[in-house]
Amino acid sequence: MAEYHAGRASSKRFLVGRLSDRLARGALVVAAALAITLTSCEEIPPPLPEPPPPQYHVVPLNEQLEGLWSATYPGGPLQVNIQDDPQLGDHNYVARLVDGSYGTLHPGATTFTGAPDASIPTLVGGDQKCSRPGRMGLLHAPMTITVHDADHFTENLAHKDTCPGFPIEFTRVAHP
């Protein structure tokens, strides 16, 4: 029985003692309980959002005409090399015959010049050079190019009968 009372006495001693000791012990218990509560209730931050996909610049079809083409000019098909005009800068095209002849135009001669339309990504506007039988010199005719895909386009004249053989179909032979 003595052991029983000794155990009870020690448990009573915890509650008995100076008020400041009891307050200090109570503050420790409250602090420990608060620390356990706060750490167990800590919110897990939400996952970071997915980064946006990379932005790619898609080059319009009317800015992809540089290269070697086969064209259905009269007397053809003829090969035509289209490049950016070095005097006018980026995307101002100059097309030159590579082989054969188209009227009075011979290899190396410019067949057309043009520039992509800023609003319509499949349209090029420009100037076709051609000759008519019995006429001296070249005729300049306004034309448009409609780009079908990266390897095909059609050249049409604004005034259909200005030059013979139109519309002209172009098929890509090689990229620059």
N, C-alpha and C. Protein backbone atom coordinates (compact mmCIF):
# COMPACT_ATOMS: atom_id res chain seq x y z
N MET A 1 0.79 -1.17 0.00
CA MET A 1 0.00 0.00 0.00
C MET A 1 0.84 1.25 0.00
N ALA A 2 2.01 1.11 0.56
CA ALA A 2 2.91 2.25 0.61
C ALA A 2 3.30 2.64 -0.80
N GLU A 3 3.46 1.64 -1.64
CA GLU A 3 3.83 1.96 -3.02
C GLU A 3 2.70 2.69 -3.72
N TYR A 4 1.48 2.31 -3.37
CA TYR A 4 0.34 2.95 -3.99
C TYR A 4 0.29 4.42 -3.62
N HIS A 5 0.52 4.70 -2.35
CA HIS A 5 0.48 6.08 -1.92
C HIS A 5 1.65 6.86 -2.47
N ALA A 6 2.78 6.19 -2.61
CA ALA A 6 3.96 6.90 -3.15
C ALA A 6 3.69 7.29 -4.59
N GLY A 7 3.04 6.41 -5.36
CA GLY A 7 2.71 6.73 -6.75
C GLY A 7 1.69 7.85 -6.82
N ARG A 8 0.73 7.85 -5.90
CA ARG A 8 -0.29 8.89 -5.90
C ARG A 8 0.29 10.21 -5.45
N ALA A 9 1.22 10.11 -4.54
CA ALA A 9 1.81 11.34 -4.02
C ALA A 9 2.59 12.04 -5.13
N SER A 10 3.30 11.24 -5.94
CA SER A 10 4.07 11.88 -7.00
C SER A 10 3.14 12.46 -8.06
N SER A 11 1.99 11.81 -8.28
CA SER A 11 1.07 12.36 -9.25
C SER A 11 0.41 13.61 -8.69
N LYS A 12 0.21 13.68 -7.41
CA LYS A 12 -0.36 14.87 -6.81
C LYS A 12 0.65 15.99 -6.82
N ARG A 13 1.94 15.62 -6.68
CA ARG A 13 2.95 16.64 -6.62
C ARG A 13 3.03 17.42 -7.93
N PHE A 14 2.66 16.78 -8.98
CA PHE A 14 2.67 17.47 -10.27
C PHE A 14 1.66 18.63 -10.25
N LEU A 15 0.53 18.38 -9.65
CA LEU A 15 -0.50 19.41 -9.56
C LEU A 15 -0.24 20.37 -8.41
N VAL A 16 0.55 19.90 -7.45
CA VAL A 16 0.84 20.73 -6.28
C VAL A 16 2.18 21.41 -6.52
N GLY A 17 2.42 22.45 -5.97
CA GLY A 17 3.67 23.18 -6.10
C GLY A 17 3.36 24.64 -6.23
N ARG A 18 4.41 25.34 -6.44
CA ARG A 18 4.19 26.77 -6.55
C ARG A 18 3.42 27.09 -7.80
N LEU A 19 2.67 28.17 -7.75
CA LEU A 19 1.83 28.57 -8.86
C LEU A 19 2.67 28.87 -10.10
N SER A 20 3.81 29.48 -9.94
CA SER A 20 4.65 29.80 -11.08
C SER A 20 5.16 28.53 -11.76
N ASP A 21 5.47 27.49 -10.99
CA ASP A 21 5.90 26.21 -11.58
C ASP A 21 4.76 25.57 -12.36
N ARG A 22 3.58 25.63 -11.79
CA ARG A 22 2.43 25.06 -12.48
C ARG A 22 2.13 25.83 -13.77
N LEU A 23 2.23 27.11 -13.71
CA LEU A 23 1.99 27.90 -14.92
C LEU A 23 3.05 27.61 -15.98
N ALA A 24 4.29 27.46 -15.58
CA ALA A 24 5.37 27.16 -16.53
C ALA A 24 5.14 25.81 -17.17
N ARG A 25 4.76 24.80 -16.35
CA ARG A 25 4.48 23.49 -16.92
C ARG A 25 3.27 23.54 -17.86
N GLY A 26 2.25 24.27 -17.48
CA GLY A 26 1.05 24.41 -18.31
C GLY A 26 1.38 25.10 -19.64
N ALA A 27 2.22 26.12 -19.56
CA ALA A 27 2.62 26.82 -20.79
C ALA A 27 3.41 25.89 -21.70
N LEU A 28 4.26 25.03 -21.12
CA LEU A 28 5.01 24.06 -21.93
C LEU A 28 4.06 23.08 -22.60
N VAL A 29 3.07 22.61 -21.87
CA VAL A 29 2.11 21.66 -22.43
C VAL A 29 1.33 22.32 -23.56
N VAL A 30 0.86 23.54 -23.31
CA VAL A 30 0.10 24.25 -24.35
C VAL A 30 0.99 24.50 -25.57
N ALA A 31 2.23 24.91 -25.37
CA ALA A 31 3.15 25.16 -26.49
C ALA A 31 3.40 23.88 -27.28
N ALA A 32 3.58 22.77 -26.58
CA ALA A 32 3.81 21.50 -27.26
C ALA A 32 2.57 21.09 -28.06
N ALA A 33 1.40 21.24 -27.47
CA ALA A 33 0.16 20.88 -28.17
C ALA A 33 -0.04 21.79 -29.38
N LEU A 34 0.24 23.08 -29.20
CA LEU A 34 0.10 24.02 -30.32
C LEU A 34 1.08 23.70 -31.43
N ALA A 35 2.31 23.35 -31.08
CA ALA A 35 3.31 23.01 -32.09
C ALA A 35 2.89 21.76 -32.85
N ILE A 36 2.37 20.77 -32.17
CA ILE A 36 1.93 19.55 -32.83
C ILE A 36 0.75 19.85 -33.75
N THR A 37 -0.16 20.66 -33.27
CA THR A 37 -1.34 21.00 -34.07
C THR A 37 -0.95 21.77 -35.32
N LEU A 38 -0.08 22.74 -35.17
CA LEU A 38 0.31 23.56 -36.33
C LEU A 38 1.09 22.77 -37.37
N THR A 39 1.97 21.89 -36.90
CA THR A 39 2.76 21.13 -37.87
C THR A 39 1.91 20.06 -38.55
N SER A 40 0.92 19.53 -37.85
CA SER A 40 0.09 18.50 -38.50
C SER A 40 -0.94 19.13 -39.43
N CYS A 41 -1.29 20.40 -39.25
CA CYS A 41 -2.28 21.06 -40.10
C CYS A 41 -1.63 21.89 -41.21
N GLU A 42 -0.33 21.80 -41.32
CA GLU A 42 0.36 22.60 -42.33
C GLU A 42 -0.16 22.23 -43.72
N GLU A 43 -0.54 23.23 -44.48
CA GLU A 43 -1.08 22.97 -45.81
C GLU A 43 0.04 22.65 -46.79
N ILE A 44 -0.25 21.73 -47.68
CA ILE A 44 0.69 21.41 -48.74
C ILE A 44 0.44 22.41 -49.86
N PRO A 45 1.48 23.11 -50.29
CA PRO A 45 1.24 24.12 -51.33
C PRO A 45 0.76 23.44 -52.63
N PRO A 46 -0.11 24.12 -53.37
CA PRO A 46 -0.59 23.52 -54.63
C PRO A 46 0.57 23.37 -55.62
N PRO A 47 0.47 22.39 -56.51
CA PRO A 47 1.56 22.20 -57.48
C PRO A 47 1.64 23.41 -58.43
N LEU A 48 2.82 23.66 -58.90
CA LEU A 48 3.02 24.75 -59.85
C LEU A 48 2.30 24.44 -61.15
N PRO A 49 1.74 25.46 -61.80
CA PRO A 49 1.06 25.20 -63.09
C PRO A 49 2.06 24.78 -64.16
N GLU A 50 1.53 24.08 -65.15
CA GLU A 50 2.37 23.64 -66.27
C GLU A 50 2.92 24.86 -67.00
N PRO A 51 4.17 24.84 -67.42
CA PRO A 51 4.67 25.97 -68.21
C PRO A 51 3.96 26.02 -69.55
N PRO A 52 3.79 27.21 -70.11
CA PRO A 52 3.11 27.29 -71.41
C PRO A 52 3.94 26.60 -72.49
N PRO A 53 3.27 26.09 -73.52
CA PRO A 53 4.03 25.43 -74.59
C PRO A 53 4.91 26.46 -75.30
N PRO A 54 6.01 26.02 -75.89
CA PRO A 54 6.88 26.96 -76.60
C PRO A 54 6.15 27.58 -77.78
N GLN A 55 6.46 28.82 -78.04
CA GLN A 55 5.83 29.53 -79.15
C GLN A 55 6.67 29.33 -80.41
N TYR A 56 6.03 28.94 -81.46
CA TYR A 56 6.70 28.75 -82.74
C TYR A 56 6.19 29.77 -83.73
N HIS A 57 7.08 30.31 -84.50
CA HIS A 57 6.68 31.23 -85.55
C HIS A 57 6.46 30.42 -86.82
N VAL A 58 5.24 30.45 -87.30
CA VAL A 58 4.91 29.74 -88.53
C VAL A 58 5.10 30.71 -89.69
N VAL A 59 5.99 30.35 -90.59
CA VAL A 59 6.27 31.21 -91.74
C VAL A 59 5.14 31.03 -92.75
N PRO A 60 4.50 32.13 -93.16
CA PRO A 60 3.42 32.01 -94.15
C PRO A 60 3.93 31.40 -95.46
N LEU A 61 3.05 30.71 -96.15
CA LEU A 61 3.43 30.05 -97.41
C LEU A 61 3.98 31.04 -98.43
N ASN A 62 3.44 32.27 -98.44
CA ASN A 62 3.90 33.22 -99.44
C ASN A 62 5.30 33.76 -99.14
N GLU A 63 5.88 33.36 -98.03
CA GLU A 63 7.26 33.74 -97.71
C GLU A 63 8.21 32.55 -97.86
N GLN A 64 7.75 31.49 -98.53
CA GLN A 64 8.56 30.27 -98.68
C GLN A 64 8.79 29.91 -100.14
N LEU A 65 8.88 30.90 -101.01
CA LEU A 65 8.99 30.59 -102.44
C LEU A 65 10.42 30.46 -102.94
N GLU A 66 11.41 30.79 -102.13
CA GLU A 66 12.78 30.67 -102.62
C GLU A 66 13.08 29.22 -102.97
N GLY A 67 13.80 29.04 -104.06
CA GLY A 67 14.20 27.70 -104.48
C GLY A 67 14.11 27.52 -105.98
N LEU A 68 14.30 26.28 -106.41
CA LEU A 68 14.27 25.92 -107.83
C LEU A 68 12.90 25.31 -108.13
N TRP A 69 12.24 25.82 -109.21
CA TRP A 69 10.89 25.41 -109.57
C TRP A 69 10.83 24.98 -111.02
N SER A 70 9.89 24.10 -111.31
CA SER A 70 9.56 23.75 -112.68
C SER A 70 8.26 24.48 -113.02
N ALA A 71 8.27 25.25 -114.13
CA ALA A 71 7.11 26.07 -114.50
C ALA A 71 6.60 25.66 -115.87
N THR A 72 5.28 25.75 -116.05
CA THR A 72 4.64 25.34 -117.30
C THR A 72 4.56 26.49 -118.31
N TYR A 73 5.61 27.32 -118.40
CA TYR A 73 5.63 28.38 -119.42
C TYR A 73 5.54 27.74 -120.80
N PRO A 74 5.02 28.46 -121.80
CA PRO A 74 5.00 27.92 -123.17
C PRO A 74 6.42 27.51 -123.59
N GLY A 75 6.51 26.35 -124.23
CA GLY A 75 7.83 25.82 -124.61
C GLY A 75 8.46 25.03 -123.48
N GLY A 76 7.79 24.88 -122.36
CA GLY A 76 8.37 24.25 -121.18
C GLY A 76 7.86 22.84 -120.99
N PRO A 77 8.07 22.29 -119.83
CA PRO A 77 8.35 22.99 -118.59
C PRO A 77 9.77 23.57 -118.55
N LEU A 78 9.87 24.73 -117.90
CA LEU A 78 11.16 25.42 -117.75
C LEU A 78 11.50 25.52 -116.27
N GLN A 79 12.79 25.46 -116.00
CA GLN A 79 13.22 25.62 -114.61
C GLN A 79 13.40 27.11 -114.31
N VAL A 80 12.90 27.50 -113.14
CA VAL A 80 12.97 28.89 -112.70
C VAL A 80 13.55 28.91 -111.29
N ASN A 81 14.51 29.80 -111.07
CA ASN A 81 15.11 29.96 -109.75
C ASN A 81 14.52 31.23 -109.12
N ILE A 82 13.89 31.07 -107.95
CA ILE A 82 13.31 32.20 -107.25
C ILE A 82 14.16 32.51 -106.03
N GLN A 83 14.56 33.78 -105.93
CA GLN A 83 15.39 34.23 -104.81
C GLN A 83 14.83 35.54 -104.28
N ASP A 84 15.30 35.91 -103.09
CA ASP A 84 15.00 37.25 -102.59
C ASP A 84 15.81 38.24 -103.42
N ASP A 85 15.18 39.34 -103.78
CA ASP A 85 15.84 40.38 -104.56
C ASP A 85 16.87 41.07 -103.67
N PRO A 86 18.16 40.98 -104.01
CA PRO A 86 19.19 41.57 -103.15
C PRO A 86 19.08 43.10 -103.06
N GLN A 87 18.47 43.73 -104.04
CA GLN A 87 18.35 45.19 -104.00
C GLN A 87 17.18 45.63 -103.12
N LEU A 88 16.15 44.81 -103.03
CA LEU A 88 14.97 45.19 -102.27
C LEU A 88 14.91 44.56 -100.89
N GLY A 89 15.68 43.53 -100.65
CA GLY A 89 15.72 42.93 -99.32
C GLY A 89 14.80 41.73 -99.18
N ASP A 90 14.53 41.41 -97.93
CA ASP A 90 13.83 40.19 -97.57
C ASP A 90 12.44 40.08 -98.17
N HIS A 91 12.15 38.93 -98.74
CA HIS A 91 10.84 38.56 -99.29
C HIS A 91 10.33 39.49 -100.38
N ASN A 92 11.23 39.95 -101.20
CA ASN A 92 10.87 40.60 -102.46
C ASN A 92 11.50 39.70 -103.51
N TYR A 93 10.67 38.95 -104.19
CA TYR A 93 11.16 37.88 -105.03
C TYR A 93 11.57 38.37 -106.41
N VAL A 94 12.58 37.69 -106.94
CA VAL A 94 12.95 37.82 -108.34
C VAL A 94 13.10 36.39 -108.87
N ALA A 95 12.43 36.12 -110.00
CA ALA A 95 12.47 34.78 -110.60
C ALA A 95 13.24 34.88 -111.91
N ARG A 96 14.19 33.96 -112.10
CA ARG A 96 15.01 33.95 -113.32
C ARG A 96 14.94 32.57 -113.96
N LEU A 97 14.92 32.58 -115.30
CA LEU A 97 14.96 31.31 -116.04
C LEU A 97 16.31 30.64 -115.84
N VAL A 98 16.28 29.33 -115.67
CA VAL A 98 17.52 28.55 -115.54
C VAL A 98 17.84 27.89 -116.87
N ASP A 99 16.82 27.41 -117.57
CA ASP A 99 17.05 26.73 -118.85
C ASP A 99 15.93 27.09 -119.82
N GLY A 100 16.12 26.78 -121.08
CA GLY A 100 15.10 27.02 -122.10
C GLY A 100 14.88 28.49 -122.35
N SER A 101 13.81 28.81 -123.04
CA SER A 101 13.48 30.21 -123.29
C SER A 101 11.97 30.36 -123.33
N TYR A 102 11.55 31.55 -122.99
CA TYR A 102 10.14 31.89 -122.96
C TYR A 102 10.01 33.17 -123.79
N GLY A 103 9.64 33.01 -125.05
CA GLY A 103 9.61 34.15 -125.97
C GLY A 103 11.02 34.68 -126.17
N THR A 104 11.21 35.94 -125.82
CA THR A 104 12.55 36.54 -125.94
C THR A 104 13.33 36.44 -124.63
N LEU A 105 12.76 35.78 -123.63
CA LEU A 105 13.47 35.59 -122.35
C LEU A 105 14.32 34.33 -122.44
N HIS A 106 15.57 34.46 -122.10
CA HIS A 106 16.52 33.35 -122.17
C HIS A 106 17.09 33.07 -120.79
N PRO A 107 17.83 31.97 -120.63
CA PRO A 107 18.37 31.64 -119.30
C PRO A 107 19.08 32.84 -118.67
N GLY A 108 18.76 33.05 -117.39
CA GLY A 108 19.32 34.18 -116.64
C GLY A 108 18.41 35.40 -116.62
N ALA A 109 17.45 35.46 -117.54
CA ALA A 109 16.55 36.61 -117.61
C ALA A 109 15.50 36.53 -116.50
N THR A 110 15.09 37.69 -116.01
CA THR A 110 14.05 37.77 -114.99
C THR A 110 12.70 37.53 -115.64
N THR A 111 11.93 36.59 -115.07
CA THR A 111 10.58 36.33 -115.58
C THR A 111 9.53 37.09 -114.78
N PHE A 112 9.69 37.16 -113.46
CA PHE A 112 8.77 37.98 -112.67
C PHE A 112 9.44 38.48 -111.41
N THR A 113 8.86 39.53 -110.85
CA THR A 113 9.24 40.03 -109.53
C THR A 113 7.96 40.12 -108.73
N GLY A 114 8.07 39.96 -107.43
CA GLY A 114 6.86 40.00 -106.61
C GLY A 114 7.18 40.12 -105.14
N ALA A 115 6.15 40.40 -104.36
CA ALA A 115 6.28 40.51 -102.91
C ALA A 115 5.06 39.87 -102.25
N PRO A 116 5.24 39.19 -101.12
CA PRO A 116 4.12 38.58 -100.42
C PRO A 116 3.10 39.62 -99.96
N ASP A 117 1.85 39.25 -100.00
CA ASP A 117 0.79 40.10 -99.47
C ASP A 117 0.85 40.03 -97.95
N ALA A 118 0.78 41.18 -97.30
CA ALA A 118 0.89 41.21 -95.84
C ALA A 118 -0.36 40.66 -95.14
N SER A 119 -1.49 40.66 -95.81
CA SER A 119 -2.74 40.23 -95.17
C SER A 119 -3.14 38.80 -95.50
N ILE A 120 -2.83 38.35 -96.70
CA ILE A 120 -3.26 37.02 -97.13
C ILE A 120 -2.01 36.14 -97.26
N PRO A 121 -1.86 35.13 -96.39
CA PRO A 121 -0.62 34.35 -96.35
C PRO A 121 -0.36 33.45 -97.55
N THR A 122 -1.31 33.35 -98.50
CA THR A 122 -1.10 32.50 -99.67
C THR A 122 -1.04 33.32 -100.95
N LEU A 123 -0.87 34.64 -100.84
CA LEU A 123 -0.93 35.51 -102.01
C LEU A 123 0.36 36.30 -102.17
N VAL A 124 0.82 36.39 -103.42
CA VAL A 124 1.97 37.21 -103.80
C VAL A 124 1.51 38.08 -104.96
N GLY A 125 1.84 39.34 -104.91
CA GLY A 125 1.52 40.23 -106.02
C GLY A 125 2.80 40.66 -106.70
N GLY A 126 2.75 40.93 -108.01
CA GLY A 126 3.98 41.33 -108.68
C GLY A 126 3.79 41.68 -110.14
N ASP A 127 4.87 41.53 -110.87
CA ASP A 127 4.96 41.96 -112.26
C ASP A 127 5.58 40.84 -113.09
N GLN A 128 4.85 40.36 -114.09
CA GLN A 128 5.33 39.32 -115.01
C GLN A 128 5.92 39.99 -116.24
N LYS A 129 7.05 39.48 -116.70
CA LYS A 129 7.65 39.96 -117.94
C LYS A 129 7.42 38.91 -119.02
N CYS A 130 6.96 39.36 -120.19
CA CYS A 130 6.73 38.43 -121.28
C CYS A 130 6.89 39.18 -122.60
N SER A 131 6.96 38.42 -123.66
CA SER A 131 7.04 39.03 -124.99
C SER A 131 5.91 38.48 -125.84
N ARG A 132 5.46 39.25 -126.76
CA ARG A 132 4.42 38.82 -127.69
C ARG A 132 5.04 38.75 -129.08
N PRO A 133 4.59 37.80 -129.87
CA PRO A 133 5.15 37.68 -131.22
C PRO A 133 4.98 39.00 -132.00
N GLY A 134 6.04 39.40 -132.70
CA GLY A 134 6.01 40.61 -133.52
C GLY A 134 6.18 41.89 -132.72
N ARG A 135 6.44 41.79 -131.43
CA ARG A 135 6.60 42.98 -130.61
C ARG A 135 8.05 43.07 -130.15
N MET A 136 8.63 44.22 -130.21
CA MET A 136 10.00 44.43 -129.74
C MET A 136 9.94 44.76 -128.25
N GLY A 137 10.85 44.20 -127.49
CA GLY A 137 10.92 44.50 -126.06
C GLY A 137 9.96 43.65 -125.24
N LEU A 138 10.03 43.86 -123.95
CA LEU A 138 9.23 43.07 -123.01
C LEU A 138 7.97 43.82 -122.60
N LEU A 139 6.98 43.04 -122.31
CA LEU A 139 5.72 43.55 -121.81
C LEU A 139 5.68 43.25 -120.31
N HIS A 140 5.26 44.21 -119.51
CA HIS A 140 5.14 44.03 -118.06
C HIS A 140 3.66 43.92 -117.74
N ALA A 141 3.28 42.82 -117.11
CA ALA A 141 1.87 42.57 -116.81
C ALA A 141 1.70 42.34 -115.31
N PRO A 142 0.73 43.00 -114.68
CA PRO A 142 0.47 42.72 -113.26
C PRO A 142 0.00 41.27 -113.08
N MET A 143 0.50 40.65 -112.05
CA MET A 143 0.14 39.25 -111.81
C MET A 143 -0.03 38.99 -110.33
N THR A 144 -0.66 37.85 -110.03
CA THR A 144 -0.77 37.35 -108.66
C THR A 144 -0.34 35.89 -108.64
N ILE A 145 0.19 35.51 -107.52
CA ILE A 145 0.56 34.10 -107.28
C ILE A 145 -0.30 33.61 -106.14
N THR A 146 -0.93 32.46 -106.35
CA THR A 146 -1.69 31.80 -105.30
C THR A 146 -0.89 30.57 -104.89
N VAL A 147 -0.45 30.55 -103.64
CA VAL A 147 0.37 29.44 -103.13
C VAL A 147 -0.58 28.37 -102.59
N HIS A 148 -0.48 27.16 -103.15
CA HIS A 148 -1.34 26.04 -102.73
C HIS A 148 -0.77 25.33 -101.51
N ASP A 149 0.52 25.07 -101.54
CA ASP A 149 1.24 24.47 -100.42
C ASP A 149 2.70 24.83 -100.62
N ALA A 150 3.60 24.28 -99.79
CA ALA A 150 5.00 24.65 -99.85
C ALA A 150 5.68 24.23 -101.15
N ASP A 151 5.04 23.37 -101.95
CA ASP A 151 5.66 22.86 -103.16
C ASP A 151 4.89 23.16 -104.45
N HIS A 152 3.79 23.93 -104.37
CA HIS A 152 2.99 24.21 -105.57
C HIS A 152 2.38 25.60 -105.50
N PHE A 153 2.46 26.34 -106.60
CA PHE A 153 1.72 27.58 -106.70
C PHE A 153 1.34 27.84 -108.15
N THR A 154 0.38 28.76 -108.33
CA THR A 154 -0.12 29.11 -109.65
C THR A 154 0.04 30.61 -109.84
N GLU A 155 0.56 30.99 -111.03
CA GLU A 155 0.70 32.40 -111.37
C GLU A 155 -0.40 32.77 -112.36
N ASN A 156 -1.16 33.83 -112.05
CA ASN A 156 -2.24 34.32 -112.89
C ASN A 156 -1.98 35.79 -113.23
N LEU A 157 -2.43 36.19 -114.40
CA LEU A 157 -2.31 37.59 -114.81
C LEU A 157 -3.57 38.35 -114.43
N ALA A 158 -3.41 39.63 -114.09
CA ALA A 158 -4.57 40.47 -113.79
C ALA A 158 -5.43 40.64 -115.04
N HIS A 159 -4.79 40.75 -116.21
CA HIS A 159 -5.48 40.85 -117.50
C HIS A 159 -5.12 39.58 -118.27
N LYS A 160 -6.04 38.66 -118.36
CA LYS A 160 -5.78 37.28 -118.76
C LYS A 160 -5.03 37.10 -120.07
N ASP A 161 -5.29 37.89 -121.08
CA ASP A 161 -4.66 37.64 -122.38
C ASP A 161 -3.43 38.51 -122.64
N THR A 162 -2.88 39.13 -121.61
CA THR A 162 -1.72 40.00 -121.80
C THR A 162 -0.52 39.20 -122.28
N CYS A 163 -0.27 38.04 -121.71
CA CYS A 163 0.84 37.17 -122.07
C CYS A 163 0.29 35.79 -122.40
N PRO A 164 0.88 35.09 -123.34
CA PRO A 164 0.38 33.76 -123.72
C PRO A 164 0.73 32.69 -122.67
N GLY A 165 -0.14 31.68 -122.60
CA GLY A 165 0.17 30.49 -121.80
C GLY A 165 -0.25 30.54 -120.35
N PHE A 166 -0.97 31.54 -119.93
CA PHE A 166 -1.33 31.65 -118.51
C PHE A 166 -2.69 31.03 -118.24
N PRO A 167 -2.87 30.49 -117.04
CA PRO A 167 -2.04 30.53 -115.84
C PRO A 167 -0.86 29.55 -115.94
N ILE A 168 0.17 29.84 -115.17
CA ILE A 168 1.39 29.02 -115.14
C ILE A 168 1.41 28.27 -113.81
N GLU A 169 1.63 26.97 -113.88
CA GLU A 169 1.72 26.13 -112.68
C GLU A 169 3.20 25.93 -112.33
N PHE A 170 3.52 26.08 -111.05
CA PHE A 170 4.90 25.88 -110.56
C PHE A 170 4.92 24.72 -109.60
N THR A 171 5.94 23.86 -109.75
CA THR A 171 6.17 22.74 -108.85
C THR A 171 7.61 22.81 -108.35
N ARG A 172 7.78 22.73 -107.05
CA ARG A 172 9.14 22.86 -106.48
C ARG A 172 10.02 21.69 -106.91
N VAL A 173 11.24 22.02 -107.33
CA VAL A 173 12.24 21.02 -107.68
C VAL A 173 13.22 20.87 -106.52
N ALA A 174 13.64 21.99 -105.92
CA ALA A 174 14.60 21.96 -104.81
C ALA A 174 14.45 23.21 -103.94
N HIS A 175 14.71 23.02 -102.65
CA HIS A 175 14.74 24.15 -101.71
C HIS A 175 16.07 24.86 -101.86
N PRO A 176 16.13 26.12 -101.40
CA PRO A 176 17.41 26.85 -101.53
C PRO A 176 18.52 26.24 -100.70
